[in-house]
Amino acid sequence: MPKRPFRFWINRELVVTVLFGCLIGTYLDLYFVGKSLYSFPVRPFPEVFSIHIGFTLFGLPLLIIVFLLICQKLNRIGKLCLVLFFAAIMAGGEKMSEAIGWFVHDSSWQHYYSLIGYTIYLLVMLGLYHLLYTKKT
């Protein structure tokens, strides 16, 4: 009986994209927290990290993996719709985090900044993934 490949095998392109996405996400958080545009009042190890390291290490990689795995099954229009959907979900998640007290934006922050930022971020992640994937084949 021939071996069947593992269906959910994570390829190198996905790993590289997730690592790059986490690195960029971490630096963006550090930049915006440093500019006092937002802060994380509730975070793990607040004496060490000024950002929410739990989101950077677990939430962001999970989001990118799910996003890219779904994108593999979609055409261009579907991918664009998914980018906008995920960006809206993330911007809404920020709003909910503010209501709970996990996240605080500066009064000058407009929430459409988050929508635009997450859209650009996800497009870059998708572009990098496709660049790495097409170089392989």
C-alpha atoms as a PDB file:
ATOM      1  CA  MET A   1       0.000   0.000   0.000  1.00  0.00           C
ATOM      2  CA  PRO A   2       1.623   3.326  -1.008  1.00  0.00           C
ATOM      3  CA  LYS A   3       2.158   6.011   1.573  1.00  0.00           C
ATOM      4  CA  ARG A   4      -0.224   8.921   1.348  1.00  0.00           C
ATOM      5  CA  PRO A   5       1.273  12.357   1.969  1.00  0.00           C
ATOM      6  CA  PHE A   6       0.265  14.103   5.139  1.00  0.00           C
ATOM      7  CA  ARG A   7      -2.530  16.502   4.163  1.00  0.00           C
ATOM      8  CA  PHE A   8      -1.598  19.323   6.486  1.00  0.00           C
ATOM      9  CA  TRP A   9       2.133  19.349   5.856  1.00  0.00           C
ATOM     10  CA  ILE A  10       3.511  22.842   6.358  1.00  0.00           C
ATOM     11  CA  ASN A  11       5.909  23.785   3.592  1.00  0.00           C
ATOM     12  CA  ARG A  12       9.080  25.870   3.851  1.00  0.00           C
ATOM     13  CA  GLU A  13       7.491  28.824   2.097  1.00  0.00           C
ATOM     14  CA  LEU A  14       4.789  28.965   4.760  1.00  0.00           C
ATOM     15  CA  VAL A  15       7.333  28.810   7.595  1.00  0.00           C
ATOM     16  CA  VAL A  16       9.470  31.588   6.067  1.00  0.00           C
ATOM     17  CA  THR A  17       6.407  33.772   5.489  1.00  0.00           C
ATOM     18  CA  VAL A  18       5.168  33.238   9.056  1.00  0.00           C
ATOM     19  CA  LEU A  19       8.588  34.058  10.536  1.00  0.00           C
ATOM     20  CA  PHE A  20       8.880  37.179   8.381  1.00  0.00           C
ATOM     21  CA  GLY A  21       5.314  38.190   9.294  1.00  0.00           C
ATOM     22  CA  CYS A  22       6.038  37.804  13.012  1.00  0.00           C
ATOM     23  CA  LEU A  23       9.226  39.820  12.694  1.00  0.00           C
ATOM     24  CA  ILE A  24       7.483  42.634  10.820  1.00  0.00           C
ATOM     25  CA  GLY A  25       4.501  42.543  13.202  1.00  0.00           C
ATOM     26  CA  THR A  26       6.800  42.757  16.219  1.00  0.00           C
ATOM     27  CA  TYR A  27       8.729  45.706  14.817  1.00  0.00           C
ATOM     28  CA  LEU A  28       5.528  47.512  13.863  1.00  0.00           C
ATOM     29  CA  ASP A  29       4.175  47.020  17.386  1.00  0.00           C
ATOM     30  CA  LEU A  30       7.444  48.286  18.877  1.00  0.00           C
ATOM     31  CA  TYR A  31       7.385  51.305  16.572  1.00  0.00           C
ATOM     32  CA  PHE A  32       3.771  52.271  17.302  1.00  0.00           C
ATOM     33  CA  VAL A  33       4.134  51.673  21.040  1.00  0.00           C
ATOM     34  CA  GLY A  34       7.344  53.736  20.996  1.00  0.00           C
ATOM     35  CA  LYS A  35       5.482  56.568  19.229  1.00  0.00           C
ATOM     36  CA  SER A  36       2.722  56.267  21.883  1.00  0.00           C
ATOM     37  CA  LEU A  37       0.051  55.641  19.259  1.00  0.00           C
ATOM     38  CA  TYR A  38      -1.153  52.627  21.200  1.00  0.00           C
ATOM     39  CA  SER A  39      -0.265  50.551  24.232  1.00  0.00           C
ATOM     40  CA  PHE A  40      -0.988  47.192  25.815  1.00  0.00           C
ATOM     41  CA  PRO A  41      -2.024  47.743  29.464  1.00  0.00           C
ATOM     42  CA  VAL A  42      -2.510  43.993  30.002  1.00  0.00           C
ATOM     43  CA  ARG A  43       0.361  41.914  28.624  1.00  0.00           C
ATOM     44  CA  PRO A  44       2.621  39.056  29.699  1.00  0.00           C
ATOM     45  CA  PHE A  45       5.913  40.116  31.294  1.00  0.00           C
ATOM     46  CA  PRO A  46       5.149  43.857  31.349  1.00  0.00           C
ATOM     47  CA  GLU A  47       8.466  44.624  33.034  1.00  0.00           C
ATOM     48  CA  VAL A  48      10.343  43.103  30.069  1.00  0.00           C
ATOM     49  CA  PHE A  49       8.175  43.734  26.990  1.00  0.00           C
ATOM     50  CA  SER A  50       6.329  46.904  26.033  1.00  0.00           C
ATOM     51  CA  ILE A  51       4.251  44.942  23.506  1.00  0.00           C
ATOM     52  CA  HIS A  52       1.934  41.964  23.897  1.00  0.00           C
ATOM     53  CA  ILE A  53       4.417  39.189  23.163  1.00  0.00           C
ATOM     54  CA  GLY A  54       1.691  36.527  23.383  1.00  0.00           C
ATOM     55  CA  PHE A  55      -0.055  37.938  20.334  1.00  0.00           C
ATOM     56  CA  THR A  56       3.252  38.175  18.476  1.00  0.00           C
ATOM     57  CA  LEU A  57       4.282  34.600  19.276  1.00  0.00           C
ATOM     58  CA  PHE A  58       0.925  32.823  19.020  1.00  0.00           C
ATOM     59  CA  GLY A  59      -1.883  34.971  17.600  1.00  0.00           C
ATOM     60  CA  LEU A  60      -0.079  36.437  14.607  1.00  0.00           C
ATOM     61  CA  PRO A  61       1.506  33.159  13.392  1.00  0.00           C
ATOM     62  CA  LEU A  62      -1.837  31.383  13.709  1.00  0.00           C
ATOM     63  CA  LEU A  63      -3.582  34.148  11.771  1.00  0.00           C
ATOM     64  CA  ILE A  64      -0.989  34.036   8.984  1.00  0.00           C
ATOM     65  CA  ILE A  65      -1.069  30.232   8.729  1.00  0.00           C
ATOM     66  CA  VAL A  66      -4.866  30.091   8.528  1.00  0.00           C
ATOM     67  CA  PHE A  67      -4.912  32.991   6.068  1.00  0.00           C
ATOM     68  CA  LEU A  68      -2.334  31.426   3.728  1.00  0.00           C
ATOM     69  CA  LEU A  69      -3.841  27.938   3.874  1.00  0.00           C
ATOM     70  CA  ILE A  70      -7.235  29.336   2.894  1.00  0.00           C
ATOM     71  CA  CYS A  71      -5.643  31.477   0.159  1.00  0.00           C
ATOM     72  CA  GLN A  72      -4.155  28.368  -1.450  1.00  0.00           C
ATOM     73  CA  LYS A  73      -7.662  27.320  -2.438  1.00  0.00           C
ATOM     74  CA  LEU A  74      -8.881  30.675  -3.803  1.00  0.00           C
ATOM     75  CA  ASN A  75      -8.593  32.588  -7.069  1.00  0.00           C
ATOM     76  CA  ARG A  76      -7.367  36.217  -7.198  1.00  0.00           C
ATOM     77  CA  ILE A  77     -10.747  37.782  -6.445  1.00  0.00           C
ATOM     78  CA  GLY A  78     -11.290  35.355  -3.573  1.00  0.00           C
ATOM     79  CA  LYS A  79      -7.863  36.178  -2.148  1.00  0.00           C
ATOM     80  CA  LEU A  80      -8.581  39.906  -2.310  1.00  0.00           C
ATOM     81  CA  CYS A  81     -11.923  39.384  -0.574  1.00  0.00           C
ATOM     82  CA  LEU A  82     -10.215  37.247   2.085  1.00  0.00           C
ATOM     83  CA  VAL A  83      -7.567  39.932   2.657  1.00  0.00           C
ATOM     84  CA  LEU A  84     -10.291  42.534   3.198  1.00  0.00           C
ATOM     85  CA  PHE A  85     -12.272  40.155   5.413  1.00  0.00           C
ATOM     86  CA  PHE A  86      -9.282  39.294   7.622  1.00  0.00           C
ATOM     87  CA  ALA A  87      -8.250  42.971   7.803  1.00  0.00           C
ATOM     88  CA  ALA A  88     -11.765  43.913   8.924  1.00  0.00           C
ATOM     89  CA  ILE A  89     -11.773  41.098  11.496  1.00  0.00           C
ATOM     90  CA  MET A  90      -8.426  42.267  12.883  1.00  0.00           C
ATOM     91  CA  ALA A  91      -9.532  45.906  13.027  1.00  0.00           C
ATOM     92  CA  GLY A  92     -12.724  44.787  14.789  1.00  0.00           C
ATOM     93  CA  GLY A  93     -10.633  42.674  17.146  1.00  0.00           C
ATOM     94  CA  GLU A  94      -8.662  45.779  18.075  1.00  0.00           C
ATOM     95  CA  LYS A  95     -11.907  47.584  18.847  1.00  0.00           C
ATOM     96  CA  MET A  96     -13.079  44.678  21.029  1.00  0.00           C
ATOM     97  CA  SER A  97      -9.681  44.564  22.772  1.00  0.00           C
ATOM     98  CA  GLU A  98     -10.076  48.235  23.593  1.00  0.00           C
ATOM     99  CA  ALA A  99     -13.507  47.601  25.109  1.00  0.00           C
ATOM    100  CA  ILE A 100     -12.073  44.815  27.280  1.00  0.00           C
ATOM    101  CA  GLY A 101      -9.079  46.943  28.302  1.00  0.00           C
ATOM    102  CA  TRP A 102      -6.322  44.902  26.625  1.00  0.00           C
ATOM    103  CA  PHE A 103      -5.456  47.571  24.092  1.00  0.00           C
ATOM    104  CA  VAL A 104      -5.465  51.386  24.192  1.00  0.00           C
ATOM    105  CA  HIS A 105      -5.158  53.676  21.187  1.00  0.00           C
ATOM    106  CA  ASP A 106      -4.091  57.307  21.325  1.00  0.00           C
ATOM    107  CA  SER A 107      -6.987  59.749  20.878  1.00  0.00           C
ATOM    108  CA  SER A 108      -5.606  60.767  17.470  1.00  0.00           C
ATOM    109  CA  TRP A 109      -5.875  57.177  16.149  1.00  0.00           C
ATOM    110  CA  GLN A 110      -8.561  56.488  13.549  1.00  0.00           C
ATOM    111  CA  HIS A 111      -9.683  52.875  13.254  1.00  0.00           C
ATOM    112  CA  TYR A 112      -9.577  52.913   9.484  1.00  0.00           C
ATOM    113  CA  TYR A 113      -5.774  53.173   9.931  1.00  0.00           C
ATOM    114  CA  SER A 114      -5.915  49.633  11.314  1.00  0.00           C
ATOM    115  CA  LEU A 115      -8.025  48.419   8.406  1.00  0.00           C
ATOM    116  CA  ILE A 116      -5.606  49.912   5.873  1.00  0.00           C
ATOM    117  CA  GLY A 117      -2.562  48.693   7.795  1.00  0.00           C
ATOM    118  CA  TYR A 118      -3.799  45.110   8.107  1.00  0.00           C
ATOM    119  CA  THR A 119      -4.794  45.105   4.424  1.00  0.00           C
ATOM    120  CA  ILE A 120      -1.293  46.145   3.395  1.00  0.00           C
ATOM    121  CA  TYR A 121       0.273  43.706   5.871  1.00  0.00           C
ATOM    122  CA  LEU A 122      -1.754  40.749   4.576  1.00  0.00           C
ATOM    123  CA  LEU A 123      -1.087  41.681   0.952  1.00  0.00           C
ATOM    124  CA  VAL A 124       2.647  41.737   1.700  1.00  0.00           C
ATOM    125  CA  MET A 125       2.428  38.328   3.415  1.00  0.00           C
ATOM    126  CA  LEU A 126       0.474  36.901   0.484  1.00  0.00           C
ATOM    127  CA  GLY A 127       2.898  38.429  -2.014  1.00  0.00           C
ATOM    128  CA  LEU A 128       5.928  37.039  -0.181  1.00  0.00           C
ATOM    129  CA  TYR A 129       4.351  33.599   0.033  1.00  0.00           C
ATOM    130  CA  HIS A 130       3.562  33.565  -3.675  1.00  0.00           C
ATOM    131  CA  LEU A 131       7.048  34.873  -4.527  1.00  0.00           C
ATOM    132  CA  LEU A 132       8.677  32.081  -2.539  1.00  0.00           C
ATOM    133  CA  TYR A 133       6.239  29.459  -3.821  1.00  0.00           C
ATOM    134  CA  THR A 134       6.674  30.380  -7.499  1.00  0.00           C
ATOM    135  CA  LYS A 135      10.478  30.384  -7.192  1.00  0.00           C
ATOM    136  CA  LYS A 136      10.237  26.780  -5.977  1.00  0.00           C
ATOM    137  CA  THR A 137       8.335  25.547  -9.028  1.00  0.00           C
END
